[in-house]
């Protein structure tokens, strides 16, 4: 399939960029950035790991979304300091809300096929999808707070922007999840119209 080839090309390209970044930063003795780039390569395995956990292969669209998200967050954000732009972190949280909702929705459809239930209620699927995205956002905020507390980092951008962006991040996560639900609703409505 075309999307499989696109995913493969994007994955290889991003891994090459991270490898070159590691080599360059080892050469100039910037080991922290080299470590961030190495974590980027390791995180490109996440679509494979998620597929194993769900016991089902993710769609190529989700895998491409995940890989691009990792590249934008680590390569642009951490390595090239795009986090210095106030809206960048909010954009990432919004995008993660959409991406995690995509994964949750995929997970529900996998579980649905395994059960005798004729159909999960729309209310349940929407609440689960939103809850999953926001829960992951909360876990990330706890991670940021822990790293700042124990390693004197500034992942919450308090030193940079003079306030904690936790609430903004969680609202962005929720907004991304709600956008996904809205798009899914419109898509399903159009699909039903085309069938009738």
N, C-alpha and C. Protein backbone atom coordinates (compact mmCIF):
# COMPACT_ATOMS: atom_id res chain seq x y z
N UNK A 1 0.83 -1.21 0.00
CA UNK A 1 0.00 0.00 0.00
C UNK A 1 0.86 1.26 0.00
N UNK A 2 0.30 2.32 -0.56
CA UNK A 2 1.03 3.59 -0.65
C UNK A 2 1.36 4.14 0.74
N UNK A 3 0.37 4.08 1.68
CA UNK A 3 0.60 4.63 3.03
C UNK A 3 1.69 3.86 3.77
N UNK A 4 1.81 2.54 3.53
CA UNK A 4 2.89 1.74 4.13
C UNK A 4 4.25 2.25 3.66
N UNK A 5 4.35 2.52 2.37
CA UNK A 5 5.61 3.02 1.79
C UNK A 5 5.94 4.41 2.33
N UNK A 6 4.91 5.25 2.42
CA UNK A 6 5.11 6.62 2.96
C UNK A 6 5.60 6.54 4.39
N UNK A 7 4.95 5.68 5.20
CA UNK A 7 5.36 5.50 6.60
C UNK A 7 6.81 5.03 6.68
N UNK A 8 7.17 4.06 5.85
CA UNK A 8 8.53 3.51 5.85
C UNK A 8 9.57 4.58 5.50
N UNK A 9 9.25 5.40 4.49
CA UNK A 9 10.17 6.48 4.06
C UNK A 9 10.32 7.51 5.18
N UNK A 10 9.19 7.95 5.77
CA UNK A 10 9.23 8.95 6.85
C UNK A 10 10.02 8.42 8.05
N UNK A 11 9.77 7.15 8.41
CA UNK A 11 10.46 6.53 9.55
C UNK A 11 11.98 6.50 9.32
N UNK A 12 12.40 6.05 8.14
CA UNK A 12 13.84 5.98 7.82
C UNK A 12 14.47 7.37 7.83
N UNK A 13 13.78 8.32 7.22
CA UNK A 13 14.29 9.70 7.14
C UNK A 13 14.49 10.30 8.54
N UNK A 14 13.49 10.12 9.41
CA UNK A 14 13.58 10.67 10.77
C UNK A 14 14.69 9.98 11.56
N UNK A 15 14.84 8.68 11.42
CA UNK A 15 15.93 7.96 12.10
C UNK A 15 17.29 8.44 11.62
N UNK A 16 17.43 8.68 10.31
CA UNK A 16 18.70 9.19 9.76
C UNK A 16 19.02 10.57 10.34
N UNK A 17 18.00 11.43 10.42
CA UNK A 17 18.19 12.78 10.99
C UNK A 17 18.66 12.68 12.44
N UNK A 18 18.03 11.81 13.23
CA UNK A 18 18.43 11.63 14.63
C UNK A 18 19.85 11.05 14.74
N UNK A 19 20.19 10.10 13.87
CA UNK A 19 21.55 9.50 13.89
C UNK A 19 22.59 10.57 13.58
N UNK A 20 22.34 11.38 12.55
CA UNK A 20 23.27 12.47 12.20
C UNK A 20 23.41 13.46 13.35
N UNK A 21 22.30 13.71 14.03
CA UNK A 21 22.30 14.62 15.19
C UNK A 21 23.16 14.04 16.32
N UNK A 22 23.05 12.74 16.55
CA UNK A 22 23.86 12.07 17.59
C UNK A 22 25.34 12.20 17.26
N UNK A 23 25.70 11.87 16.02
CA UNK A 23 27.12 11.93 15.58
C UNK A 23 27.67 13.34 15.75
N UNK A 24 26.92 14.32 15.26
CA UNK A 24 27.36 15.73 15.34
C UNK A 24 27.57 16.16 16.79
N UNK A 25 26.62 15.82 17.67
CA UNK A 25 26.69 16.30 19.05
C UNK A 25 27.70 15.52 19.90
N UNK A 26 27.99 14.28 19.55
CA UNK A 26 29.09 13.55 20.22
C UNK A 26 30.41 14.21 19.83
N UNK A 27 30.52 14.56 18.54
CA UNK A 27 31.74 15.20 18.03
C UNK A 27 32.01 16.54 18.72
N UNK A 28 30.93 17.34 18.98
CA UNK A 28 31.13 18.64 19.63
C UNK A 28 30.96 18.54 21.16
N UNK A 29 30.85 17.30 21.65
CA UNK A 29 30.77 16.99 23.09
C UNK A 29 29.52 17.57 23.77
N UNK A 30 28.43 17.64 23.02
CA UNK A 30 27.15 18.05 23.59
C UNK A 30 26.34 16.76 23.83
N UNK A 31 26.69 16.07 24.91
CA UNK A 31 26.15 14.72 25.17
C UNK A 31 24.67 14.73 25.52
N UNK A 32 24.18 15.81 26.10
CA UNK A 32 22.76 15.88 26.46
C UNK A 32 21.89 15.83 25.21
N UNK A 33 22.25 16.65 24.20
CA UNK A 33 21.49 16.67 22.95
C UNK A 33 21.62 15.33 22.23
N UNK A 34 22.80 14.72 22.29
CA UNK A 34 23.00 13.39 21.69
C UNK A 34 22.07 12.37 22.35
N UNK A 35 21.90 12.49 23.65
CA UNK A 35 21.01 11.59 24.40
C UNK A 35 19.54 11.82 24.02
N UNK A 36 19.17 13.08 23.83
CA UNK A 36 17.80 13.40 23.39
C UNK A 36 17.54 12.78 22.01
N UNK A 37 18.53 12.90 21.11
CA UNK A 37 18.39 12.32 19.76
C UNK A 37 18.31 10.79 19.83
N UNK A 38 19.08 10.19 20.72
CA UNK A 38 19.01 8.73 20.91
C UNK A 38 17.63 8.31 21.42
N UNK A 39 17.08 9.10 22.35
CA UNK A 39 15.73 8.79 22.85
C UNK A 39 14.72 8.94 21.72
N UNK A 40 14.97 9.85 20.78
CA UNK A 40 14.10 10.01 19.61
C UNK A 40 14.08 8.75 18.76
N UNK A 41 15.26 8.16 18.55
CA UNK A 41 15.34 6.90 17.78
C UNK A 41 14.58 5.80 18.51
N UNK A 42 14.78 5.71 19.82
CA UNK A 42 14.09 4.67 20.60
C UNK A 42 12.58 4.86 20.58
N UNK A 43 12.13 6.12 20.63
CA UNK A 43 10.69 6.41 20.62
C UNK A 43 10.04 6.11 19.26
N UNK A 44 10.85 6.03 18.20
CA UNK A 44 10.27 5.66 16.90
C UNK A 44 9.80 4.20 16.90
N UNK A 45 10.17 3.47 17.93
CA UNK A 45 9.67 2.09 18.10
C UNK A 45 8.27 2.06 18.71
N UNK A 46 7.79 3.21 19.19
CA UNK A 46 6.51 3.23 19.91
C UNK A 46 5.31 2.73 19.10
N UNK A 47 5.19 3.00 17.78
CA UNK A 47 4.05 2.40 17.06
C UNK A 47 4.07 0.86 17.11
N UNK A 48 5.28 0.29 17.01
CA UNK A 48 5.43 -1.16 17.09
C UNK A 48 5.05 -1.67 18.48
N UNK A 49 5.50 -0.97 19.53
CA UNK A 49 5.20 -1.35 20.93
C UNK A 49 3.70 -1.24 21.20
N UNK A 50 3.08 -0.14 20.75
CA UNK A 50 1.64 0.04 20.95
C UNK A 50 0.85 -1.07 20.24
N UNK A 51 1.29 -1.41 19.02
CA UNK A 51 0.64 -2.50 18.27
C UNK A 51 0.72 -3.82 19.03
N UNK A 52 1.88 -4.06 19.66
CA UNK A 52 2.05 -5.30 20.44
C UNK A 52 1.15 -5.30 21.67
N UNK A 53 1.05 -4.15 22.35
CA UNK A 53 0.20 -4.05 23.54
C UNK A 53 -1.28 -4.28 23.16
N UNK A 54 -1.70 -3.66 22.05
CA UNK A 54 -3.09 -3.80 21.61
C UNK A 54 -3.35 -5.13 20.90
N UNK A 55 -2.25 -5.84 20.57
CA UNK A 55 -2.34 -7.10 19.83
C UNK A 55 -3.02 -6.90 18.48
N UNK A 56 -2.71 -5.77 17.88
CA UNK A 56 -3.32 -5.40 16.59
C UNK A 56 -2.46 -4.31 15.96
N UNK A 57 -2.22 -4.42 14.67
CA UNK A 57 -1.38 -3.42 13.99
C UNK A 57 -2.14 -2.11 13.85
N UNK A 58 -1.50 -1.02 14.24
CA UNK A 58 -2.10 0.31 14.08
C UNK A 58 -2.18 0.66 12.60
N UNK A 59 -3.14 1.50 12.25
CA UNK A 59 -3.22 1.96 10.86
C UNK A 59 -2.00 2.83 10.56
N UNK A 60 -1.62 2.87 9.29
CA UNK A 60 -0.45 3.66 8.87
C UNK A 60 -0.63 5.14 9.18
N UNK A 61 -1.88 5.63 9.10
CA UNK A 61 -2.13 7.05 9.41
C UNK A 61 -1.76 7.37 10.86
N UNK A 62 -2.14 6.48 11.78
CA UNK A 62 -1.80 6.69 13.20
C UNK A 62 -0.29 6.61 13.39
N UNK A 63 0.35 5.63 12.74
CA UNK A 63 1.80 5.45 12.88
C UNK A 63 2.56 6.67 12.35
N UNK A 64 2.11 7.21 11.22
CA UNK A 64 2.74 8.41 10.66
C UNK A 64 2.56 9.58 11.62
N UNK A 65 1.36 9.74 12.18
CA UNK A 65 1.06 10.80 13.15
C UNK A 65 2.01 10.70 14.34
N UNK A 66 2.16 9.48 14.89
CA UNK A 66 3.03 9.27 16.07
C UNK A 66 4.47 9.64 15.76
N UNK A 67 4.98 9.16 14.63
CA UNK A 67 6.39 9.39 14.25
C UNK A 67 6.65 10.89 14.02
N UNK A 68 5.73 11.55 13.34
CA UNK A 68 5.89 13.00 13.11
C UNK A 68 5.81 13.78 14.41
N UNK A 69 4.92 13.33 15.30
CA UNK A 69 4.79 13.98 16.61
C UNK A 69 6.10 13.87 17.40
N UNK A 70 6.71 12.69 17.40
CA UNK A 70 7.99 12.47 18.09
C UNK A 70 9.07 13.38 17.50
N UNK A 71 9.11 13.46 16.17
CA UNK A 71 10.11 14.30 15.50
C UNK A 71 9.93 15.77 15.86
N UNK A 72 8.68 16.24 15.80
CA UNK A 72 8.40 17.65 16.11
C UNK A 72 8.72 17.96 17.57
N UNK A 73 8.30 17.06 18.48
CA UNK A 73 8.51 17.29 19.93
C UNK A 73 9.98 17.26 20.30
N UNK A 74 10.72 16.26 19.81
CA UNK A 74 12.13 16.11 20.23
C UNK A 74 13.10 16.89 19.34
N UNK A 75 12.99 16.71 18.03
CA UNK A 75 13.98 17.34 17.16
C UNK A 75 13.79 18.85 17.10
N UNK A 76 12.56 19.27 16.80
CA UNK A 76 12.31 20.71 16.74
C UNK A 76 12.21 21.31 18.15
N UNK A 77 11.44 20.65 19.02
CA UNK A 77 11.20 21.19 20.36
C UNK A 77 12.41 21.20 21.25
N UNK A 78 12.96 20.02 21.53
CA UNK A 78 14.07 19.92 22.49
C UNK A 78 15.43 20.25 21.89
N UNK A 79 15.71 19.73 20.70
CA UNK A 79 17.04 19.92 20.11
C UNK A 79 17.21 21.32 19.53
N UNK A 80 16.18 21.82 18.84
CA UNK A 80 16.27 23.15 18.22
C UNK A 80 15.50 24.22 18.98
N UNK A 81 15.13 23.91 20.22
CA UNK A 81 14.57 24.88 21.18
C UNK A 81 13.30 25.59 20.70
N UNK A 82 12.42 24.88 19.99
CA UNK A 82 11.15 25.48 19.58
C UNK A 82 10.24 25.70 20.79
N UNK A 83 10.58 25.06 21.93
CA UNK A 83 9.80 25.27 23.14
C UNK A 83 9.90 26.70 23.65
N UNK A 84 10.86 27.45 23.14
CA UNK A 84 10.97 28.85 23.55
C UNK A 84 9.81 29.68 23.01
N UNK A 85 9.11 29.16 21.98
CA UNK A 85 7.90 29.81 21.49
C UNK A 85 6.73 29.36 22.38
N UNK A 86 6.01 30.30 22.96
CA UNK A 86 4.95 29.98 23.93
C UNK A 86 3.90 29.01 23.39
N UNK A 87 3.50 29.18 22.14
CA UNK A 87 2.41 28.36 21.58
C UNK A 87 2.85 26.96 21.16
N UNK A 88 4.16 26.71 21.06
CA UNK A 88 4.64 25.43 20.56
C UNK A 88 4.21 24.27 21.46
N UNK A 89 4.40 24.43 22.76
CA UNK A 89 4.03 23.38 23.73
C UNK A 89 2.53 23.13 23.71
N UNK A 90 1.74 24.20 23.62
CA UNK A 90 0.28 24.07 23.57
C UNK A 90 -0.14 23.34 22.30
N UNK A 91 0.51 23.67 21.17
CA UNK A 91 0.24 22.98 19.91
C UNK A 91 0.52 21.49 20.03
N UNK A 92 1.64 21.14 20.69
CA UNK A 92 1.99 19.72 20.87
C UNK A 92 0.96 19.00 21.73
N UNK A 93 0.52 19.64 22.81
CA UNK A 93 -0.49 19.02 23.67
C UNK A 93 -1.82 18.85 22.93
N UNK A 94 -2.19 19.83 22.13
CA UNK A 94 -3.40 19.73 21.33
C UNK A 94 -3.28 18.56 20.34
N UNK A 95 -2.12 18.47 19.67
CA UNK A 95 -1.87 17.39 18.72
C UNK A 95 -1.87 16.03 19.41
N UNK A 96 -1.29 15.97 20.62
CA UNK A 96 -1.26 14.70 21.35
C UNK A 96 -2.67 14.29 21.76
N UNK A 97 -3.54 15.27 22.05
CA UNK A 97 -4.93 14.97 22.36
C UNK A 97 -5.62 14.28 21.19
N UNK A 98 -5.37 14.79 19.98
CA UNK A 98 -5.93 14.19 18.77
C UNK A 98 -5.34 12.79 18.56
N UNK A 99 -4.01 12.69 18.66
CA UNK A 99 -3.31 11.42 18.42
C UNK A 99 -3.74 10.33 19.42
N UNK A 100 -3.81 10.68 20.70
CA UNK A 100 -4.19 9.71 21.73
C UNK A 100 -5.65 9.29 21.58
N UNK A 101 -6.49 10.21 21.12
CA UNK A 101 -7.90 9.87 20.85
C UNK A 101 -8.00 8.89 19.69
N UNK A 102 -7.16 9.09 18.69
CA UNK A 102 -7.07 8.19 17.55
C UNK A 102 -6.72 6.78 18.04
N UNK A 103 -5.71 6.69 18.92
CA UNK A 103 -5.27 5.40 19.46
C UNK A 103 -6.38 4.76 20.30
N UNK A 104 -7.02 5.57 21.16
CA UNK A 104 -8.10 5.06 22.02
C UNK A 104 -9.25 4.53 21.17
N UNK A 105 -9.60 5.27 20.13
CA UNK A 105 -10.69 4.86 19.24
C UNK A 105 -10.36 3.54 18.54
N UNK A 106 -9.11 3.42 18.11
CA UNK A 106 -8.63 2.20 17.47
C UNK A 106 -8.69 1.03 18.45
N UNK A 107 -8.30 1.28 19.68
CA UNK A 107 -8.32 0.28 20.75
C UNK A 107 -9.75 -0.21 21.00
N UNK A 108 -10.70 0.72 21.06
CA UNK A 108 -12.10 0.35 21.28
C UNK A 108 -12.60 -0.54 20.15
N UNK A 109 -12.27 -0.19 18.90
CA UNK A 109 -12.75 -1.00 17.77
C UNK A 109 -12.15 -2.41 17.79
N UNK A 110 -10.90 -2.52 18.29
CA UNK A 110 -10.26 -3.84 18.42
C UNK A 110 -10.99 -4.66 19.49
N UNK A 111 -11.24 -4.03 20.64
CA UNK A 111 -11.92 -4.73 21.75
C UNK A 111 -13.36 -5.10 21.36
N UNK A 112 -14.01 -4.25 20.58
CA UNK A 112 -15.38 -4.50 20.14
C UNK A 112 -15.47 -5.80 19.34
N UNK A 113 -14.46 -6.02 18.47
CA UNK A 113 -14.44 -7.24 17.65
C UNK A 113 -14.25 -8.51 18.48
N UNK A 114 -13.66 -8.36 19.68
CA UNK A 114 -13.40 -9.52 20.54
C UNK A 114 -14.60 -9.90 21.40
N UNK A 115 -15.61 -9.03 21.48
CA UNK A 115 -16.73 -9.27 22.41
C UNK A 115 -18.00 -9.70 21.67
N UNK A 116 -18.98 -10.14 22.46
CA UNK A 116 -20.28 -10.51 21.92
C UNK A 116 -21.24 -9.31 21.89
N UNK A 117 -20.77 -8.19 22.39
CA UNK A 117 -21.61 -6.99 22.42
C UNK A 117 -21.89 -6.54 20.99
N UNK A 118 -23.16 -6.27 20.71
CA UNK A 118 -23.53 -5.87 19.35
C UNK A 118 -22.93 -4.52 18.98
N UNK A 119 -22.95 -3.61 19.93
CA UNK A 119 -22.39 -2.27 19.67
C UNK A 119 -22.14 -1.55 20.99
N UNK A 120 -20.94 -0.95 21.11
CA UNK A 120 -20.68 -0.10 22.27
C UNK A 120 -21.49 1.18 22.09
N UNK A 121 -21.98 1.74 23.20
CA UNK A 121 -22.74 2.98 23.08
C UNK A 121 -21.80 4.13 22.69
N UNK A 122 -22.35 5.05 21.93
CA UNK A 122 -21.59 6.22 21.48
C UNK A 122 -21.08 7.03 22.68
N UNK A 123 -21.92 7.13 23.71
CA UNK A 123 -21.54 7.86 24.92
C UNK A 123 -20.30 7.21 25.56
N UNK A 124 -20.31 5.88 25.69
CA UNK A 124 -19.18 5.16 26.30
C UNK A 124 -17.91 5.37 25.50
N UNK A 125 -17.99 5.20 24.18
CA UNK A 125 -16.78 5.33 23.35
C UNK A 125 -16.21 6.74 23.41
N UNK A 126 -17.09 7.75 23.41
CA UNK A 126 -16.62 9.14 23.47
C UNK A 126 -15.99 9.46 24.83
N UNK A 127 -16.64 9.00 25.91
CA UNK A 127 -16.10 9.25 27.26
C UNK A 127 -14.76 8.54 27.43
N UNK A 128 -14.67 7.30 26.96
CA UNK A 128 -13.40 6.55 27.07
C UNK A 128 -12.30 7.24 26.27
N UNK A 129 -12.62 7.64 25.05
CA UNK A 129 -11.63 8.30 24.18
C UNK A 129 -11.09 9.57 24.82
N UNK A 130 -11.99 10.44 25.30
CA UNK A 130 -11.59 11.69 25.94
C UNK A 130 -10.80 11.41 27.23
N UNK A 131 -11.29 10.47 28.04
CA UNK A 131 -10.64 10.14 29.31
C UNK A 131 -9.23 9.61 29.10
N UNK A 132 -9.05 8.78 28.08
CA UNK A 132 -7.74 8.21 27.77
C UNK A 132 -6.74 9.31 27.40
N UNK A 133 -7.18 10.22 26.53
CA UNK A 133 -6.30 11.31 26.09
C UNK A 133 -5.92 12.22 27.26
N UNK A 134 -6.90 12.58 28.08
CA UNK A 134 -6.63 13.48 29.21
C UNK A 134 -5.80 12.77 30.28
N UNK A 135 -6.07 11.48 30.53
CA UNK A 135 -5.27 10.70 31.50
C UNK A 135 -3.80 10.69 31.09
N UNK A 136 -3.53 10.45 29.81
CA UNK A 136 -2.14 10.45 29.33
C UNK A 136 -1.51 11.82 29.51
N UNK A 137 -2.31 12.88 29.30
CA UNK A 137 -1.83 14.25 29.53
C UNK A 137 -1.48 14.48 30.98
N UNK A 138 -2.29 13.96 31.91
CA UNK A 138 -2.03 14.10 33.35
C UNK A 138 -0.75 13.38 33.73
N UNK A 139 -0.58 12.15 33.21
CA UNK A 139 0.65 11.36 33.49
C UNK A 139 1.87 12.14 33.00
N UNK A 140 1.77 12.76 31.81
CA UNK A 140 2.89 13.54 31.28
C UNK A 140 3.20 14.74 32.18
N UNK A 141 2.18 15.41 32.68
CA UNK A 141 2.39 16.56 33.56
C UNK A 141 3.06 16.14 34.87
N UNK A 142 2.68 14.97 35.39
CA UNK A 142 3.33 14.44 36.60
C UNK A 142 4.80 14.16 36.31
N UNK A 143 5.08 13.61 35.13
CA UNK A 143 6.46 13.35 34.71
C UNK A 143 7.26 14.67 34.64
N UNK A 144 6.68 15.69 34.01
CA UNK A 144 7.35 17.00 33.92
C UNK A 144 7.63 17.57 35.31
N UNK A 145 6.63 17.52 36.18
CA UNK A 145 6.78 18.03 37.54
C UNK A 145 7.89 17.28 38.29
N UNK A 146 7.91 15.95 38.13
CA UNK A 146 8.93 15.12 38.81
C UNK A 146 10.32 15.44 38.31
N UNK A 147 10.47 15.59 36.99
CA UNK A 147 11.79 15.91 36.42
C UNK A 147 12.27 17.28 36.89
N UNK A 148 11.35 18.25 36.95
CA UNK A 148 11.70 19.59 37.43
C UNK A 148 12.10 19.57 38.90
N UNK A 149 11.37 18.78 39.69
CA UNK A 149 11.61 18.72 41.14
C UNK A 149 12.91 18.01 41.47
N UNK A 150 13.13 16.84 40.86
CA UNK A 150 14.28 16.00 41.24
C UNK A 150 15.56 16.29 40.47
N UNK A 151 15.45 16.85 39.25
CA UNK A 151 16.64 17.08 38.44
C UNK A 151 16.85 18.56 38.10
N UNK A 152 16.05 19.44 38.74
CA UNK A 152 16.18 20.89 38.57
C UNK A 152 16.12 21.31 37.09
N UNK A 153 15.21 20.67 36.36
CA UNK A 153 14.99 21.05 34.96
C UNK A 153 13.88 22.08 34.91
N UNK A 154 13.51 22.49 33.70
CA UNK A 154 12.40 23.45 33.55
C UNK A 154 11.44 22.97 32.47
N UNK A 155 10.97 21.72 32.62
CA UNK A 155 10.06 21.15 31.62
C UNK A 155 8.70 21.84 31.65
N UNK A 156 8.31 22.40 32.79
CA UNK A 156 7.03 23.11 32.89
C UNK A 156 7.14 24.57 32.44
N UNK A 157 8.35 24.98 32.05
CA UNK A 157 8.61 26.34 31.54
C UNK A 157 8.31 27.44 32.54
N UNK A 158 8.46 27.16 33.84
CA UNK A 158 8.21 28.19 34.87
C UNK A 158 9.29 29.27 34.80
N UNK A 159 10.56 28.84 34.62
CA UNK A 159 11.66 29.81 34.53
C UNK A 159 11.55 30.64 33.25
N UNK A 160 11.14 29.98 32.17
CA UNK A 160 11.06 30.67 30.87
C UNK A 160 9.90 31.64 30.80
N UNK A 161 8.71 31.19 31.25
CA UNK A 161 7.50 32.00 31.07
C UNK A 161 6.92 32.55 32.37
N UNK A 162 7.58 32.27 33.51
CA UNK A 162 7.19 32.79 34.83
C UNK A 162 5.83 32.25 35.34
N UNK A 163 5.35 31.17 34.76
CA UNK A 163 4.14 30.51 35.27
C UNK A 163 4.16 29.04 34.83
N UNK A 164 3.41 28.21 35.56
CA UNK A 164 3.29 26.81 35.19
C UNK A 164 2.23 26.68 34.09
N UNK A 165 2.59 25.95 33.04
CA UNK A 165 1.65 25.82 31.91
C UNK A 165 0.80 24.56 32.00
N UNK A 166 0.74 23.94 33.18
CA UNK A 166 0.05 22.66 33.35
C UNK A 166 -1.41 22.73 32.93
N UNK A 167 -2.15 23.73 33.40
CA UNK A 167 -3.57 23.84 33.07
C UNK A 167 -3.78 24.08 31.57
N UNK A 168 -2.94 24.91 30.98
CA UNK A 168 -3.03 25.18 29.54
C UNK A 168 -2.80 23.88 28.77
N UNK A 169 -1.79 23.11 29.21
CA UNK A 169 -1.47 21.83 28.56
C UNK A 169 -2.64 20.86 28.64
N UNK A 170 -3.26 20.75 29.82
CA UNK A 170 -4.39 19.83 30.00
C UNK A 170 -5.61 20.27 29.20
N UNK A 171 -5.84 21.59 29.14
CA UNK A 171 -6.95 22.11 28.32
C UNK A 171 -6.69 21.81 26.84
N UNK A 172 -5.43 21.94 26.42
CA UNK A 172 -5.06 21.64 25.02
C UNK A 172 -5.26 20.15 24.73
N UNK A 173 -4.88 19.27 25.69
CA UNK A 173 -5.11 17.83 25.54
C UNK A 173 -6.60 17.54 25.35
N UNK A 174 -7.41 18.15 26.21
CA UNK A 174 -8.87 17.97 26.15
C UNK A 174 -9.44 18.51 24.84
N UNK A 175 -8.97 19.67 24.40
CA UNK A 175 -9.45 20.28 23.15
C UNK A 175 -9.14 19.40 21.95
N UNK A 176 -7.93 18.81 21.95
CA UNK A 176 -7.56 17.89 20.87
C UNK A 176 -8.46 16.68 20.83
N UNK A 177 -8.76 16.12 22.01
CA UNK A 177 -9.65 14.96 22.11
C UNK A 177 -11.06 15.31 21.63
N UNK A 178 -11.56 16.49 22.03
CA UNK A 178 -12.90 16.93 21.62
C UNK A 178 -12.97 17.17 20.11
N UNK A 179 -11.89 17.70 19.54
CA UNK A 179 -11.83 17.90 18.09
C UNK A 179 -11.92 16.56 17.37
N UNK A 180 -11.20 15.57 17.89
CA UNK A 180 -11.24 14.23 17.29
C UNK A 180 -12.67 13.68 17.31
N UNK A 181 -13.36 13.82 18.46
CA UNK A 181 -14.75 13.33 18.60
C UNK A 181 -15.66 14.04 17.58
N UNK A 182 -15.48 15.34 17.41
CA UNK A 182 -16.28 16.12 16.48
C UNK A 182 -16.05 15.66 15.04
N UNK A 183 -14.78 15.49 14.67
CA UNK A 183 -14.44 15.03 13.31
C UNK A 183 -15.02 13.64 13.06
N UNK A 184 -14.90 12.77 14.06
CA UNK A 184 -15.44 11.41 13.93
C UNK A 184 -16.96 11.44 13.76
N UNK A 185 -17.63 12.30 14.51
CA UNK A 185 -19.09 12.44 14.43
C UNK A 185 -19.51 12.89 13.02
N UNK A 186 -18.82 13.93 12.50
CA UNK A 186 -19.14 14.46 11.16
C UNK A 186 -18.87 13.39 10.09
N UNK A 187 -17.74 12.68 10.24
CA UNK A 187 -17.37 11.63 9.29
C UNK A 187 -18.43 10.51 9.27
N UNK A 188 -18.85 10.05 10.46
CA UNK A 188 -19.85 8.98 10.56
C UNK A 188 -21.21 9.42 10.01
N UNK A 189 -21.56 10.68 10.23
CA UNK A 189 -22.84 11.22 9.72
C UNK A 189 -22.84 11.23 8.20
N UNK A 190 -21.73 11.66 7.60
CA UNK A 190 -21.61 11.68 6.14
C UNK A 190 -21.62 10.26 5.57
N UNK A 191 -20.97 9.34 6.31
CA UNK A 191 -20.91 7.94 5.88
C UNK A 191 -22.32 7.33 5.85
N UNK A 192 -23.12 7.64 6.89
CA UNK A 192 -24.50 7.14 6.96
C UNK A 192 -25.35 7.70 5.81
N UNK A 193 -25.15 8.99 5.48
CA UNK A 193 -25.90 9.63 4.39
C UNK A 193 -25.57 8.96 3.06
N UNK A 194 -24.30 8.65 2.86
CA UNK A 194 -23.86 8.01 1.61
C UNK A 194 -24.42 6.60 1.46
N UNK A 195 -24.65 5.91 2.59
CA UNK A 195 -25.18 4.55 2.56
C UNK A 195 -26.68 4.53 2.27
N UNK A 196 -27.37 5.63 2.60
CA UNK A 196 -28.84 5.66 2.39
C UNK A 196 -29.22 6.24 1.04
